[in-house]
Amino acid sequence: MSITRDPAHRGSAPLILHVTEAMGGGLEDAVNDFVRSAPGYRHALLYTRRGAFGTAEQRPGLVEVIDAGRGVRSLRRVYGSTVRRLAPDVIHLHSAWAGLIGRLQTRGPRSAPIVYSPHSYFFDRRDLSAPARLTARLLERVLSARTDLTAAVSPFEAETARRLGSGAEYIPNIARLPRDLRWAGGTGAKEVVLVGRVTAQKDPAFLLAMLPHLDADVRLTWVGAGDAATEDRLRAAGVRVTGWVPRSECLTLMASADAYLHTAAWEGSPITLLEAAVLGVPVVARAIPALDSLGFDPRLRTPRAVALALTELLAGGVAPVAPSAPSPQEQADAIGRAYARVLRGPLRSEQPVPVPVPVSVEPTATRSSVRRPEEGVPAGRSRS
């Protein structure tokens, strides 16, 4: 375990302890954005790393960063002692295992309020058996009684939380991208990019089922890595698999593509889709409940339907319905409401709550719709 402290962020503002067992990829982006969008609070981070996926070297705005190593057991071993040492005013748990550990270990009248962000509920996984998903749902219903607030990243996730018995606030994910990187208008060579881990969640089997319905000259590039056997099947079918590349290279690949394709079987609120919206890359996204609630086309549920929509787009047609990207200020407002909601009770320190002054967040990513290719709006990519 390693601990990094930043004395520049000491103060009397309420302390938010973020906890996750899945630091890396899109979840890392989401956690970092939550911190940036709530500058009126102090933030600390306790995390374990997810598999082989790397994490960022710099995390601005954090009082303390605790790297517990790898694996759920490592997180469970240090969670209690970290909470006792830091005595946070709010504990914000991110993802399934952190949500389980934190809500089981944190109890008692002097415990800090618990905010939980599932980033897609465990029972929404489509690679689990029906009994396993039912068991996970029943467990989540029990744990909801130990949850002061669910900070959901999609309206679908917020509604699911309420049905489980938890209060909920919808806090949109956002995309923060270089201002000078925008879509170049496409190559005309039918270049299509997908981004993410090559695992069941992103559903490469769905992409393979699309191939018979696509023109032979469509060029597919999957930016990411994962299961080696699945990567081999994709390559054998003519899909280029890049492996993990630097974020700048990933963004460049998206910015030069004719379309961004998303085939995931379940999601919270994928950062890559928001990046495409900000950059202007036309998007074709498989319809799933979370994306339906965010405003994506709900008709694209089968490999054939998605393939036909992509074919129409590449032939010069319009992109399917897609939402605009929320702004950093919208996220900041939502996070402010959520933390204020749980801090209405007494702090663990039993001191008055310093009310953070509303802060305008730098508009790194403005509201920008996914537009028709013929409008010539610029656009580009990042991690999922």
Protein backbone atom coordinates (compact mmCIF):
# COMPACT_ATOMS: atom_id res chain seq x y z
CA MET A 1 0.00 0.00 0.00
CA SER A 2 1.21 3.51 -0.80
CA ILE A 3 -0.10 6.87 0.42
CA THR A 4 0.40 10.21 -1.34
CA ARG A 5 -0.57 13.43 0.43
CA ASP A 6 -0.99 16.93 -0.97
CA PRO A 7 -0.74 19.58 1.78
CA ALA A 8 -1.96 22.23 -0.67
CA HIS A 9 -5.51 20.91 -0.28
CA ARG A 10 -5.78 21.00 3.51
CA GLY A 11 -8.65 22.99 4.95
CA SER A 12 -11.94 22.88 6.84
CA ALA A 13 -14.29 22.01 3.99
CA PRO A 14 -16.13 18.67 4.25
CA LEU A 15 -13.96 15.70 3.29
CA ILE A 16 -15.25 13.26 0.66
CA LEU A 17 -13.53 9.85 0.62
CA HIS A 18 -13.87 8.19 -2.79
CA VAL A 19 -13.42 4.42 -2.78
CA THR A 20 -13.20 2.02 -5.73
CA GLU A 21 -11.83 -1.41 -6.55
CA ALA A 22 -11.87 -0.76 -10.30
CA MET A 23 -9.55 2.19 -10.88
CA GLY A 24 -8.74 2.46 -14.56
CA GLY A 25 -10.41 3.27 -17.88
CA GLY A 26 -13.72 5.08 -17.94
CA LEU A 27 -14.36 4.67 -14.22
CA GLU A 28 -11.11 6.48 -13.46
CA ASP A 29 -12.18 9.31 -15.75
CA ALA A 30 -15.56 9.47 -13.99
CA VAL A 31 -14.06 9.60 -10.49
CA ASN A 32 -11.56 12.28 -11.50
CA ASP A 33 -14.37 14.34 -13.03
CA PHE A 34 -16.44 14.06 -9.85
CA VAL A 35 -13.48 15.50 -7.93
CA ARG A 36 -12.90 18.34 -10.41
CA SER A 37 -16.60 19.23 -10.43
CA ALA A 38 -16.80 19.59 -6.64
CA PRO A 39 -13.98 22.04 -5.80
CA GLY A 40 -15.80 23.32 -2.70
CA TYR A 41 -14.98 20.06 -0.91
CA ARG A 42 -11.79 18.24 0.04
CA HIS A 43 -11.37 14.86 -1.61
CA ALA A 44 -9.36 11.73 -0.82
CA LEU A 45 -9.15 8.52 -2.84
CA LEU A 46 -8.74 4.89 -1.75
CA TYR A 47 -8.44 2.50 -4.66
CA THR A 48 -7.23 -0.80 -5.99
CA ARG A 49 -6.26 -1.23 -9.61
CA ARG A 50 -8.35 -3.19 -12.09
CA GLY A 51 -6.48 -6.12 -13.66
CA ALA A 52 -3.87 -5.09 -16.21
CA PHE A 53 -5.35 -1.68 -16.92
CA GLY A 54 -3.20 1.29 -15.99
CA THR A 55 -4.13 4.37 -14.04
CA ALA A 56 -3.29 8.04 -14.39
CA GLU A 57 -0.13 9.41 -12.85
CA GLN A 58 -1.68 12.75 -11.84
CA ARG A 59 -4.90 13.26 -9.90
CA PRO A 60 -5.29 16.97 -9.16
CA GLY A 61 -7.52 18.15 -6.33
CA LEU A 62 -6.97 15.26 -3.89
CA VAL A 63 -5.84 15.70 -0.28
CA GLU A 64 -4.66 12.11 -0.14
CA VAL A 65 -4.41 9.12 -2.48
CA ILE A 66 -4.18 5.59 -1.03
CA ASP A 67 -3.15 2.89 -3.49
CA ALA A 68 -4.13 -0.39 -1.81
CA GLY A 69 -2.58 -2.51 -4.57
CA ARG A 70 -4.62 -5.00 -6.55
CA GLY A 71 -7.70 -7.01 -5.77
CA VAL A 72 -10.82 -6.82 -3.66
CA ARG A 73 -9.08 -8.41 -0.65
CA SER A 74 -6.57 -5.57 -0.57
CA LEU A 75 -9.37 -3.03 -0.48
CA ARG A 76 -11.24 -4.90 2.25
CA ARG A 77 -8.07 -5.12 4.35
CA VAL A 78 -7.39 -1.36 4.45
CA TYR A 79 -10.88 0.11 4.12
CA GLY A 80 -11.80 0.20 7.81
CA SER A 81 -8.49 1.62 9.02
CA THR A 82 -8.53 4.28 6.30
CA VAL A 83 -12.04 5.42 7.24
CA ARG A 84 -11.12 5.57 10.94
CA ARG A 85 -7.92 7.53 10.23
CA LEU A 86 -9.43 10.07 7.83
CA ALA A 87 -12.87 10.36 9.50
CA PRO A 88 -14.47 11.61 6.25
CA ASP A 89 -17.71 13.56 6.26
CA VAL A 90 -19.00 11.58 3.25
CA ILE A 91 -17.90 8.21 1.87
CA HIS A 92 -18.48 7.95 -1.88
CA LEU A 93 -18.28 4.33 -3.06
CA HIS A 94 -17.75 3.66 -6.75
CA SER A 95 -18.56 0.33 -8.45
CA ALA A 96 -19.82 -3.00 -7.17
CA TRP A 97 -17.20 -4.41 -4.82
CA ALA A 98 -16.38 -1.09 -3.20
CA GLY A 99 -20.12 -0.66 -2.74
CA LEU A 100 -20.36 -4.05 -1.04
CA ILE A 101 -17.32 -3.60 1.24
CA GLY A 102 -18.13 -0.04 2.23
CA ARG A 103 -21.78 -0.62 3.02
CA LEU A 104 -21.11 -3.79 5.00
CA GLN A 105 -18.26 -2.33 7.06
CA THR A 106 -19.62 1.17 7.66
CA ARG A 107 -22.31 1.20 10.32
CA GLY A 108 -23.37 2.90 13.52
CA PRO A 109 -24.85 6.29 14.46
CA ARG A 110 -21.49 8.09 14.06
CA SER A 111 -20.76 6.66 10.63
CA ALA A 112 -20.31 9.02 7.70
CA PRO A 113 -23.12 9.19 5.14
CA ILE A 114 -22.71 6.72 2.28
CA VAL A 115 -23.06 7.81 -1.34
CA TYR A 116 -22.95 4.93 -3.82
CA SER A 117 -22.29 5.15 -7.57
CA PRO A 118 -22.79 1.72 -9.20
CA HIS A 119 -21.52 2.83 -12.63
CA SER A 120 -23.91 0.08 -13.83
CA TYR A 121 -25.40 -2.30 -11.28
CA PHE A 122 -23.75 -5.71 -10.92
CA PHE A 123 -27.06 -7.47 -11.61
CA ASP A 124 -27.32 -5.76 -15.01
CA ARG A 125 -24.43 -7.91 -16.27
CA ARG A 126 -25.51 -10.17 -19.12
CA ASP A 127 -22.66 -12.63 -18.60
CA LEU A 128 -24.18 -13.88 -15.33
CA SER A 129 -26.74 -16.64 -14.95
CA ALA A 130 -30.33 -15.69 -14.09
CA PRO A 131 -30.00 -17.04 -10.50
CA ALA A 132 -26.77 -15.07 -9.99
CA ARG A 133 -28.40 -11.87 -11.22
CA LEU A 134 -31.42 -12.42 -8.98
CA THR A 135 -29.16 -13.00 -5.98
CA ALA A 136 -27.22 -9.83 -6.76
CA ARG A 137 -30.45 -7.83 -7.05
CA LEU A 138 -31.74 -9.13 -3.70
CA LEU A 139 -28.41 -8.28 -2.05
CA GLU A 140 -28.51 -4.78 -3.52
CA ARG A 141 -32.00 -4.29 -2.10
CA VAL A 142 -30.63 -5.14 1.37
CA LEU A 143 -27.61 -2.86 0.90
CA SER A 144 -29.86 0.01 -0.24
CA ALA A 145 -30.98 0.32 3.38
CA ARG A 146 -27.35 1.21 4.20
CA THR A 147 -27.12 3.74 1.36
CA ASP A 148 -27.85 7.39 2.13
CA LEU A 149 -27.92 8.33 -1.55
CA THR A 150 -27.24 6.71 -4.91
CA ALA A 151 -25.33 9.01 -7.26
CA ALA A 152 -26.46 7.56 -10.57
CA VAL A 153 -24.76 8.21 -13.91
CA SER A 154 -27.90 7.69 -16.00
CA PRO A 155 -31.63 8.27 -15.46
CA PHE A 156 -32.12 4.50 -15.83
CA GLU A 157 -29.66 3.87 -12.99
CA ALA A 158 -31.38 6.49 -10.81
CA GLU A 159 -34.79 4.93 -11.35
CA THR A 160 -33.39 1.47 -10.59
CA ALA A 161 -31.96 2.81 -7.31
CA ARG A 162 -35.33 4.26 -6.29
CA ARG A 163 -37.06 0.96 -6.99
CA LEU A 164 -34.52 -0.75 -4.75
CA GLY A 165 -35.38 1.64 -1.93
CA SER A 166 -32.54 4.18 -2.14
CA GLY A 167 -32.75 7.90 -2.66
CA ALA A 168 -31.09 8.91 -5.92
CA GLU A 169 -29.61 11.86 -7.78
CA TYR A 170 -28.71 11.73 -11.46
CA ILE A 171 -25.15 13.03 -11.89
CA PRO A 172 -24.19 13.05 -15.58
CA ASN A 173 -20.80 11.90 -16.75
CA ILE A 174 -18.97 14.42 -18.91
CA ALA A 175 -16.15 14.51 -21.45
CA ARG A 176 -13.16 16.84 -21.03
CA LEU A 177 -11.19 17.04 -24.26
CA PRO A 178 -8.58 19.28 -25.91
CA ARG A 179 -10.31 22.30 -27.43
CA ASP A 180 -8.36 21.98 -30.68
CA LEU A 181 -9.35 18.35 -31.33
CA ARG A 182 -12.46 18.00 -33.44
CA TRP A 183 -13.81 15.63 -36.07
CA ALA A 184 -12.27 16.27 -39.46
CA GLY A 185 -15.42 15.24 -41.33
CA GLY A 186 -14.43 11.63 -41.97
CA THR A 187 -12.25 9.98 -44.59
CA GLY A 188 -14.95 8.58 -46.85
CA ALA A 189 -13.18 5.22 -46.56
CA LYS A 190 -15.80 3.77 -44.19
CA GLU A 191 -13.48 3.83 -41.19
CA VAL A 192 -15.36 2.81 -38.03
CA VAL A 193 -13.86 2.89 -34.51
CA LEU A 194 -14.89 1.09 -31.33
CA VAL A 195 -13.18 1.67 -27.97
CA GLY A 196 -13.05 -0.38 -24.78
CA ARG A 197 -11.98 -3.57 -23.12
CA VAL A 198 -12.41 -6.70 -25.22
CA THR A 199 -14.69 -8.37 -22.69
CA ALA A 200 -18.28 -9.54 -22.40
CA GLN A 201 -19.51 -6.07 -21.37
CA LYS A 202 -18.49 -4.46 -24.67
CA ASP A 203 -19.86 -7.58 -26.40
CA PRO A 204 -17.50 -8.32 -29.30
CA ALA A 205 -19.84 -11.21 -30.19
CA PHE A 206 -22.47 -8.60 -31.09
CA LEU A 207 -20.01 -6.97 -33.48
CA LEU A 208 -19.17 -10.33 -35.07
CA ALA A 209 -22.90 -10.94 -35.57
CA MET A 210 -23.13 -7.59 -37.39
CA LEU A 211 -20.49 -8.46 -39.98
CA PRO A 212 -22.73 -10.42 -42.41
CA HIS A 213 -24.96 -7.34 -42.65
CA LEU A 214 -22.13 -4.87 -43.37
CA ASP A 215 -20.52 -4.02 -46.70
CA ALA A 216 -17.23 -5.82 -47.25
CA ASP A 217 -15.32 -2.53 -47.55
CA VAL A 218 -16.19 -1.29 -44.02
CA ARG A 219 -12.96 -1.01 -42.03
CA LEU A 220 -13.40 -1.72 -38.31
CA THR A 221 -10.85 -0.78 -35.65
CA TRP A 222 -11.25 -1.84 -32.00
CA VAL A 223 -9.11 0.34 -29.74
CA GLY A 224 -8.43 -1.65 -26.60
CA ALA A 225 -7.47 -5.10 -25.38
CA GLY A 226 -8.76 -7.88 -23.19
CA ASP A 227 -9.44 -11.58 -23.63
CA ALA A 228 -6.74 -12.92 -25.98
CA ALA A 229 -8.95 -15.59 -27.59
CA THR A 230 -11.65 -13.03 -28.35
CA GLU A 231 -9.06 -10.64 -29.80
CA ASP A 232 -7.95 -13.46 -32.11
CA ARG A 233 -11.55 -14.06 -33.25
CA LEU A 234 -11.95 -10.38 -34.03
CA ARG A 235 -8.73 -10.26 -36.02
CA ALA A 236 -9.68 -13.43 -37.91
CA ALA A 237 -12.93 -11.72 -38.91
CA GLY A 238 -11.03 -8.72 -40.29
CA VAL A 239 -11.29 -6.36 -37.30
CA ARG A 240 -8.15 -4.45 -36.44
CA VAL A 241 -7.42 -4.67 -32.68
CA THR A 242 -4.88 -2.08 -31.58
CA GLY A 243 -4.34 -3.06 -27.96
CA TRP A 244 -4.12 -0.26 -25.39
CA VAL A 245 -2.67 2.94 -26.82
CA PRO A 246 -1.95 6.37 -25.32
CA ARG A 247 -5.04 8.51 -24.88
CA SER A 248 -3.81 11.05 -27.42
CA GLU A 249 -3.51 8.33 -30.07
CA CYS A 250 -6.95 7.00 -29.18
CA LEU A 251 -8.49 10.45 -29.60
CA THR A 252 -6.75 10.86 -32.94
CA LEU A 253 -8.17 7.55 -34.17
CA MET A 254 -11.68 8.64 -33.24
CA ALA A 255 -11.23 12.09 -34.77
CA SER A 256 -10.21 10.57 -38.10
CA ALA A 257 -13.00 7.96 -38.26
CA ASP A 258 -16.19 8.14 -40.28
CA ALA A 259 -18.26 6.82 -37.36
CA TYR A 260 -18.03 5.67 -33.77
CA LEU A 261 -19.72 2.32 -33.01
CA HIS A 262 -20.80 1.18 -29.55
CA THR A 263 -21.93 -2.44 -29.03
CA ALA A 264 -21.94 -2.86 -25.23
CA ALA A 265 -24.45 -5.24 -23.65
CA TRP A 266 -24.69 -3.21 -20.44
CA GLU A 267 -23.39 0.18 -19.35
CA GLY A 268 -23.54 2.96 -16.82
CA SER A 269 -22.82 6.03 -18.93
CA PRO A 270 -19.84 5.41 -21.22
CA ILE A 271 -17.34 8.24 -21.50
CA THR A 272 -16.51 7.39 -25.10
CA LEU A 273 -20.04 8.17 -26.27
CA LEU A 274 -19.88 11.54 -24.55
CA GLU A 275 -16.52 12.23 -26.16
CA ALA A 276 -18.00 11.45 -29.56
CA ALA A 277 -20.82 13.89 -28.85
CA VAL A 278 -18.41 16.66 -27.87
CA LEU A 279 -16.10 15.99 -30.80
CA GLY A 280 -18.90 15.63 -33.34
CA VAL A 281 -18.18 12.07 -34.51
CA PRO A 282 -21.39 10.44 -35.80
CA VAL A 283 -22.43 7.68 -33.39
CA VAL A 284 -24.22 4.39 -33.90
CA ALA A 285 -24.96 2.81 -30.51
CA ARG A 286 -26.65 -0.45 -29.66
CA ALA A 287 -29.85 0.21 -27.71
CA ILE A 288 -29.75 -0.86 -24.04
CA PRO A 289 -31.79 0.56 -21.12
CA ALA A 290 -29.08 2.91 -19.83
CA LEU A 291 -28.47 4.44 -23.27
CA ASP A 292 -32.20 4.63 -23.98
CA SER A 293 -32.57 6.77 -20.85
CA LEU A 294 -29.74 9.04 -22.00
CA GLY A 295 -31.48 9.72 -25.32
CA PHE A 296 -29.86 7.33 -27.80
CA ASP A 297 -31.94 5.65 -30.51
CA PRO A 298 -33.98 2.92 -28.75
CA ARG A 299 -34.68 0.96 -31.96
CA LEU A 300 -31.16 -0.40 -32.51
CA ARG A 301 -31.40 -3.58 -30.44
CA THR A 302 -30.24 -6.32 -32.83
CA PRO A 303 -27.00 -6.82 -34.79
CA ARG A 304 -28.92 -6.42 -38.03
CA ALA A 305 -30.60 -3.16 -36.96
CA VAL A 306 -27.30 -1.65 -35.82
CA ALA A 307 -25.55 -2.80 -39.01
CA LEU A 308 -28.24 -1.26 -41.22
CA ALA A 309 -28.05 2.05 -39.33
CA LEU A 310 -24.27 2.09 -39.70
CA THR A 311 -24.51 1.24 -43.40
CA GLU A 312 -26.96 4.09 -43.98
CA LEU A 313 -24.71 6.53 -42.14
CA LEU A 314 -21.59 5.50 -44.09
CA ALA A 315 -23.52 5.87 -47.34
CA GLY A 316 -24.14 9.53 -46.56
CA GLY A 317 -27.32 9.25 -44.53
CA VAL A 318 -28.04 10.84 -41.19
CA ALA A 319 -26.73 9.53 -37.89
CA PRO A 320 -29.21 7.83 -35.54
CA VAL A 321 -30.72 9.90 -32.75
CA ALA A 322 -28.10 10.75 -30.10
CA PRO A 323 -28.09 13.16 -27.13
CA SER A 324 -25.99 16.22 -26.56
CA ALA A 325 -23.14 15.95 -24.05
CA PRO A 326 -23.74 17.40 -20.56
CA SER A 327 -21.45 20.28 -19.60
CA PRO A 328 -19.05 20.35 -16.63
CA GLN A 329 -21.31 22.94 -14.99
CA GLU A 330 -24.30 20.60 -15.20
CA GLN A 331 -22.25 17.90 -13.49
CA ALA A 332 -21.00 20.35 -10.85
CA ASP A 333 -24.56 21.46 -10.05
CA ALA A 334 -25.74 17.84 -9.71
CA ILE A 335 -22.82 16.82 -7.48
CA GLY A 336 -23.38 19.88 -5.32
CA ARG A 337 -27.02 18.89 -4.80
CA ALA A 338 -26.06 15.31 -3.96
CA TYR A 339 -23.41 16.12 -1.35
CA ALA A 340 -25.51 18.87 0.20
CA ARG A 341 -28.37 16.40 0.50
CA VAL A 342 -26.39 13.90 2.59
CA LEU A 343 -24.59 16.57 4.62
CA ARG A 344 -27.80 17.97 6.08
CA GLY A 345 -27.28 15.67 9.07
CA PRO A 346 -24.46 16.08 11.66
CA LEU A 347 -20.89 15.46 10.52
CA ARG A 348 -18.82 12.74 12.17
CA SER A 349 -16.64 15.52 13.54
CA GLU A 350 -19.79 17.11 15.03
CA GLN A 351 -18.68 20.47 13.63
CA PRO A 352 -20.93 22.79 11.60
CA VAL A 353 -20.84 21.99 7.91
CA PRO A 354 -18.94 24.66 5.96
CA VAL A 355 -21.30 25.30 3.05
CA PRO A 356 -19.21 25.38 -0.13
CA VAL A 357 -19.67 28.47 -2.23
CA PRO A 358 -21.10 27.61 -5.67
CA VAL A 359 -18.20 27.45 -8.09
CA SER A 360 -18.39 27.82 -11.83
CA VAL A 361 -16.51 24.98 -13.48
CA GLU A 362 -14.33 25.67 -16.48
CA PRO A 363 -16.41 24.77 -19.57
CA THR A 364 -13.91 22.30 -20.99
CA ALA A 365 -16.67 20.50 -22.82
CA THR A 366 -19.70 22.54 -23.82
CA ARG A 367 -23.07 21.12 -24.80
CA SER A 368 -22.46 19.87 -28.28
CA SER A 369 -24.88 17.75 -30.25
CA VAL A 370 -23.98 14.85 -32.50
CA ARG A 371 -24.84 16.32 -35.86
CA ARG A 372 -25.40 15.09 -39.35
CA PRO A 373 -22.26 14.40 -41.37
CA GLU A 374 -23.25 16.91 -44.03
CA GLU A 375 -23.19 19.73 -41.48
CA GLY A 376 -19.40 19.48 -41.42
CA VAL A 377 -19.16 19.85 -37.67
CA PRO A 378 -15.80 18.86 -36.30
CA ALA A 379 -15.40 15.88 -33.86
CA GLY A 380 -12.82 12.59 -32.03
CA ARG A 381 -12.09 9.63 -28.91
CA SER A 382 -10.81 8.29 -25.46
CA ARG A 383 -11.17 5.47 -23.00
CA SER A 384 -14.38 3.66 -22.13
